[in-house]
Amino acid sequence: MHIPDGLLSPTVSISGYAMTGGLTWFCLRQIHKIPNYQEQIPKASLLTAVFFVSSLIHIPIPPFSIHLILNGLMGIMLGYFSFLGILIGLCFQAVFFQHGGLSTLGINGIILGLPALISYFLWHCKKYSLFNFKIDKNIIFFLGGFLGVFLSALLFISINLANISPDLNIELERATFFTSLIGYGIQGIIEGILVVIVISFFEKIKPEIISN
């Protein structure tokens, strides 16, 4: 789900950097309002490393092959730190493994980082009485993990469809992108279940580690 260099026009790439810059500024402002926010930096660093490494572990699910993205999990556990962690992870992935590109780093940051923030805001729905029961909290965890992946896929496909080169077979490219949604849907379900397991585990042994 990384857009490489050369596929987007300079205007789109610069717009991506502008939006990512704005969101980075917003997240930094919110982080500075958190009491003792420095204490969360080791947790953010650890999850950023997990995000970076997870892109190298491919799981074959014929006819697809997927790797965990974990942006929903990062959103719930890191809150505003998640956008910065994902941006740093994407930068290292582009430099060391050519997953994505540096000119498209801004757009890729939006594709994976914005759904992480949406998962974080969804997690805050626990404040409402509707979500006071354990089963409903698990639904939030699942949706956080699922939407993190699926919203990223929708953003990825929308941006690519809007920038298809006229030299390519546009109908074939569209069919390919829409077919890939099946794979991303399966991946979203897997990550949703994973988030339920991981967050439920931390709620039992160390609840303070989850973002409030």
Protein backbone atom coordinates (compact mmCIF):
# COMPACT_ATOMS: atom_id res chain seq x y z
CA MET A 1 0.00 0.00 0.00
CA HIS A 2 2.97 2.26 -0.69
CA ILE A 3 2.92 4.59 -3.70
CA PRO A 4 6.43 4.63 -5.23
CA ASP A 5 8.25 7.55 -6.81
CA GLY A 6 7.24 8.57 -10.31
CA LEU A 7 3.54 7.68 -10.24
CA LEU A 8 2.20 11.00 -8.95
CA SER A 9 2.52 14.46 -10.43
CA PRO A 10 4.65 17.04 -8.56
CA THR A 11 1.47 18.92 -7.64
CA VAL A 12 -0.05 15.87 -5.91
CA SER A 13 3.23 15.01 -4.17
CA ILE A 14 3.66 18.57 -2.87
CA SER A 15 0.01 18.63 -1.73
CA GLY A 16 0.67 15.37 0.15
CA TYR A 17 3.63 16.93 1.95
CA ALA A 18 1.53 20.00 2.80
CA MET A 19 -1.27 17.87 4.33
CA THR A 20 1.23 15.68 6.20
CA GLY A 21 2.99 18.79 7.49
CA GLY A 22 -0.32 20.18 8.77
CA LEU A 23 -1.25 16.92 10.50
CA THR A 24 2.25 16.63 12.00
CA TRP A 25 1.94 20.14 13.45
CA PHE A 26 -1.53 19.31 14.83
CA CYS A 27 -0.35 16.05 16.44
CA LEU A 28 2.70 17.74 18.00
CA ARG A 29 0.46 20.41 19.52
CA GLN A 30 -1.85 17.77 20.99
CA ILE A 31 1.11 15.75 22.31
CA HIS A 32 2.52 18.78 24.14
CA LYS A 33 -0.80 19.09 26.00
CA ILE A 34 -0.37 15.56 27.45
CA PRO A 35 1.09 15.59 31.00
CA ASN A 36 4.47 13.81 31.07
CA TYR A 37 4.24 13.00 27.38
CA GLN A 38 7.94 12.08 27.42
CA GLU A 39 7.04 8.87 29.24
CA GLN A 40 5.21 7.66 26.12
CA ILE A 41 8.20 8.07 23.81
CA PRO A 42 9.69 4.58 24.51
CA LYS A 43 6.31 2.95 23.77
CA ALA A 44 5.97 5.00 20.58
CA SER A 45 9.52 4.06 19.53
CA LEU A 46 8.87 0.35 20.13
CA LEU A 47 5.64 0.31 18.12
CA THR A 48 7.28 2.31 15.33
CA ALA A 49 9.96 -0.39 15.13
CA VAL A 50 7.24 -3.09 15.00
CA PHE A 51 5.47 -1.16 12.20
CA PHE A 52 8.77 -0.91 10.29
CA VAL A 53 9.63 -4.61 10.61
CA SER A 54 6.10 -5.90 9.96
CA SER A 55 6.30 -4.76 6.32
CA LEU A 56 8.99 -7.39 5.74
CA ILE A 57 6.87 -10.35 6.90
CA HIS A 58 4.63 -11.47 4.05
CA ILE A 59 1.78 -13.90 4.71
CA PRO A 60 0.57 -15.88 1.66
CA ILE A 61 -3.24 -15.99 1.43
CA PRO A 62 -3.83 -17.27 -2.14
CA PRO A 63 -4.26 -15.57 -4.49
CA PHE A 64 -3.00 -12.67 -2.37
CA SER A 65 0.05 -12.05 -0.23
CA ILE A 66 -0.30 -9.63 2.66
CA HIS A 67 1.82 -8.09 5.39
CA LEU A 68 0.52 -6.61 8.61
CA ILE A 69 0.16 -2.81 8.62
CA LEU A 70 -0.87 -2.31 12.27
CA ASN A 71 -1.87 1.34 11.84
CA GLY A 72 -5.18 0.72 13.66
CA LEU A 73 -3.34 -0.86 16.59
CA MET A 74 -0.89 2.05 16.65
CA GLY A 75 -3.75 4.55 16.64
CA ILE A 76 -5.42 2.95 19.68
CA MET A 77 -2.18 2.46 21.64
CA LEU A 78 -0.33 5.65 20.71
CA GLY A 79 -2.98 8.25 19.98
CA TYR A 80 -1.40 11.33 18.39
CA PHE A 81 2.03 9.69 18.51
CA SER A 82 0.81 7.16 15.93
CA PHE A 83 0.89 9.60 12.99
CA LEU A 84 4.48 10.60 13.76
CA GLY A 85 5.54 6.96 14.28
CA ILE A 86 4.01 5.87 10.97
CA LEU A 87 5.68 8.77 9.14
CA ILE A 88 9.10 7.84 10.56
CA GLY A 89 8.54 4.15 9.75
CA LEU A 90 7.53 4.97 6.16
CA CYS A 91 10.64 7.12 5.73
CA PHE A 92 12.93 4.27 6.82
CA GLN A 93 11.01 1.76 4.65
CA ALA A 94 11.49 4.03 1.62
CA VAL A 95 15.21 4.61 2.29
CA PHE A 96 16.24 1.05 3.17
CA PHE A 97 13.81 -1.16 1.23
CA GLN A 98 12.33 1.11 -1.47
CA HIS A 99 8.83 0.49 -0.11
CA GLY A 100 7.23 3.68 -1.35
CA GLY A 101 9.28 6.73 -2.29
CA LEU A 102 10.59 9.90 -0.75
CA SER A 103 8.68 12.13 -3.18
CA THR A 104 5.47 10.31 -2.20
CA LEU A 105 6.26 10.16 1.53
CA GLY A 106 3.70 12.86 2.26
CA ILE A 107 0.89 11.05 0.43
CA ASN A 108 1.86 7.67 1.94
CA GLY A 109 1.85 9.33 5.38
CA ILE A 110 -1.75 10.45 4.80
CA ILE A 111 -2.80 7.02 3.44
CA LEU A 112 -1.59 5.12 6.52
CA GLY A 113 -1.47 7.82 9.22
CA LEU A 114 -4.89 9.42 8.86
CA PRO A 115 -6.80 6.10 9.38
CA ALA A 116 -4.65 5.52 12.50
CA LEU A 117 -5.93 8.81 13.95
CA ILE A 118 -9.50 7.82 13.01
CA SER A 119 -9.02 4.53 14.93
CA TYR A 120 -7.80 6.58 17.91
CA PHE A 121 -10.88 8.83 17.80
CA LEU A 122 -13.08 5.72 17.45
CA TRP A 123 -11.41 4.27 20.56
CA HIS A 124 -12.54 7.37 22.46
CA CYS A 125 -16.14 6.28 21.83
CA LYS A 126 -15.63 4.08 24.89
CA LYS A 127 -16.55 7.16 26.96
CA TYR A 128 -20.17 6.79 25.93
CA SER A 129 -22.45 4.51 27.94
CA LEU A 130 -23.24 2.41 24.85
CA PHE A 131 -19.72 1.04 25.02
CA ASN A 132 -19.51 0.21 28.72
CA PHE A 133 -19.87 -3.52 28.12
CA LYS A 134 -16.92 -5.71 27.25
CA ILE A 135 -18.46 -7.07 24.06
CA ASP A 136 -18.97 -3.54 22.76
CA LYS A 137 -15.43 -2.53 23.61
CA ASN A 138 -14.23 -5.51 21.60
CA ILE A 139 -16.28 -4.28 18.68
CA ILE A 140 -14.48 -0.94 18.92
CA PHE A 141 -11.12 -2.71 19.01
CA PHE A 142 -12.08 -4.78 15.96
CA LEU A 143 -13.35 -1.76 14.03
CA GLY A 144 -10.21 0.16 14.94
CA GLY A 145 -8.02 -2.55 13.43
CA PHE A 146 -10.29 -3.18 10.44
CA LEU A 147 -10.84 0.47 9.52
CA GLY A 148 -7.15 1.24 9.89
CA VAL A 149 -6.45 -1.11 6.98
CA PHE A 150 -9.60 -0.66 4.91
CA LEU A 151 -9.65 3.15 4.99
CA SER A 152 -5.98 3.13 3.99
CA ALA A 153 -6.87 0.84 1.08
CA LEU A 154 -9.68 3.16 -0.04
CA LEU A 155 -7.36 6.20 0.11
CA PHE A 156 -4.64 4.27 -1.75
CA ILE A 157 -6.99 3.15 -4.50
CA SER A 158 -8.71 6.55 -4.84
CA ILE A 159 -5.39 8.38 -5.24
CA ASN A 160 -4.12 5.84 -7.76
CA LEU A 161 -7.34 5.89 -9.79
CA ALA A 162 -7.20 9.69 -9.93
CA ASN A 163 -3.65 9.56 -11.25
CA ILE A 164 -3.68 6.65 -13.72
CA SER A 165 -1.38 7.31 -16.64
CA PRO A 166 -3.23 7.57 -20.00
CA ASP A 167 -0.60 5.18 -21.40
CA LEU A 168 -2.08 2.33 -19.35
CA ASN A 169 -5.27 0.33 -19.85
CA ILE A 170 -7.50 2.35 -17.52
CA GLU A 171 -10.33 -0.20 -17.33
CA LEU A 172 -7.91 -3.01 -16.52
CA GLU A 173 -6.20 -0.89 -13.86
CA ARG A 174 -9.55 -0.04 -12.28
CA ALA A 175 -10.60 -3.70 -12.22
CA THR A 176 -7.27 -4.64 -10.62
CA PHE A 177 -7.59 -2.00 -7.91
CA PHE A 178 -11.18 -2.93 -7.07
CA THR A 179 -10.26 -6.64 -6.95
CA SER A 180 -7.48 -5.81 -4.52
CA LEU A 181 -10.14 -4.53 -2.11
CA ILE A 182 -11.07 -8.18 -1.45
CA GLY A 183 -7.54 -8.85 -0.23
CA TYR A 184 -7.49 -5.68 1.86
CA GLY A 185 -10.87 -6.62 3.33
CA ILE A 186 -9.47 -10.01 4.43
CA GLN A 187 -6.41 -8.27 5.83
CA GLY A 188 -8.63 -5.80 7.68
CA ILE A 189 -10.53 -8.66 9.35
CA ILE A 190 -7.24 -10.32 10.37
CA GLU A 191 -5.88 -7.08 11.84
CA GLY A 192 -9.22 -6.37 13.55
CA ILE A 193 -9.05 -9.75 15.32
CA LEU A 194 -5.39 -9.16 16.17
CA VAL A 195 -6.20 -5.78 17.73
CA VAL A 196 -8.95 -7.35 19.88
CA ILE A 197 -6.48 -9.97 21.16
CA VAL A 198 -3.61 -7.53 21.79
CA ILE A 199 -5.65 -4.75 23.44
CA SER A 200 -7.64 -7.22 25.57
CA PHE A 201 -4.35 -8.71 26.74
CA PHE A 202 -2.87 -5.34 27.69
CA GLU A 203 -6.10 -4.31 29.40
CA LYS A 204 -5.66 -7.24 31.77
CA ILE A 205 -1.96 -6.98 32.54
CA LYS A 206 -1.04 -3.31 31.97
CA PRO A 207 -4.05 -1.10 31.13
CA GLU A 208 -2.08 2.15 31.45
CA ILE A 209 -0.13 1.25 28.31
CA ILE A 210 -3.21 1.91 26.14
CA SER A 211 -3.73 5.49 25.01
CA ASN A 212 -6.39 7.43 26.97
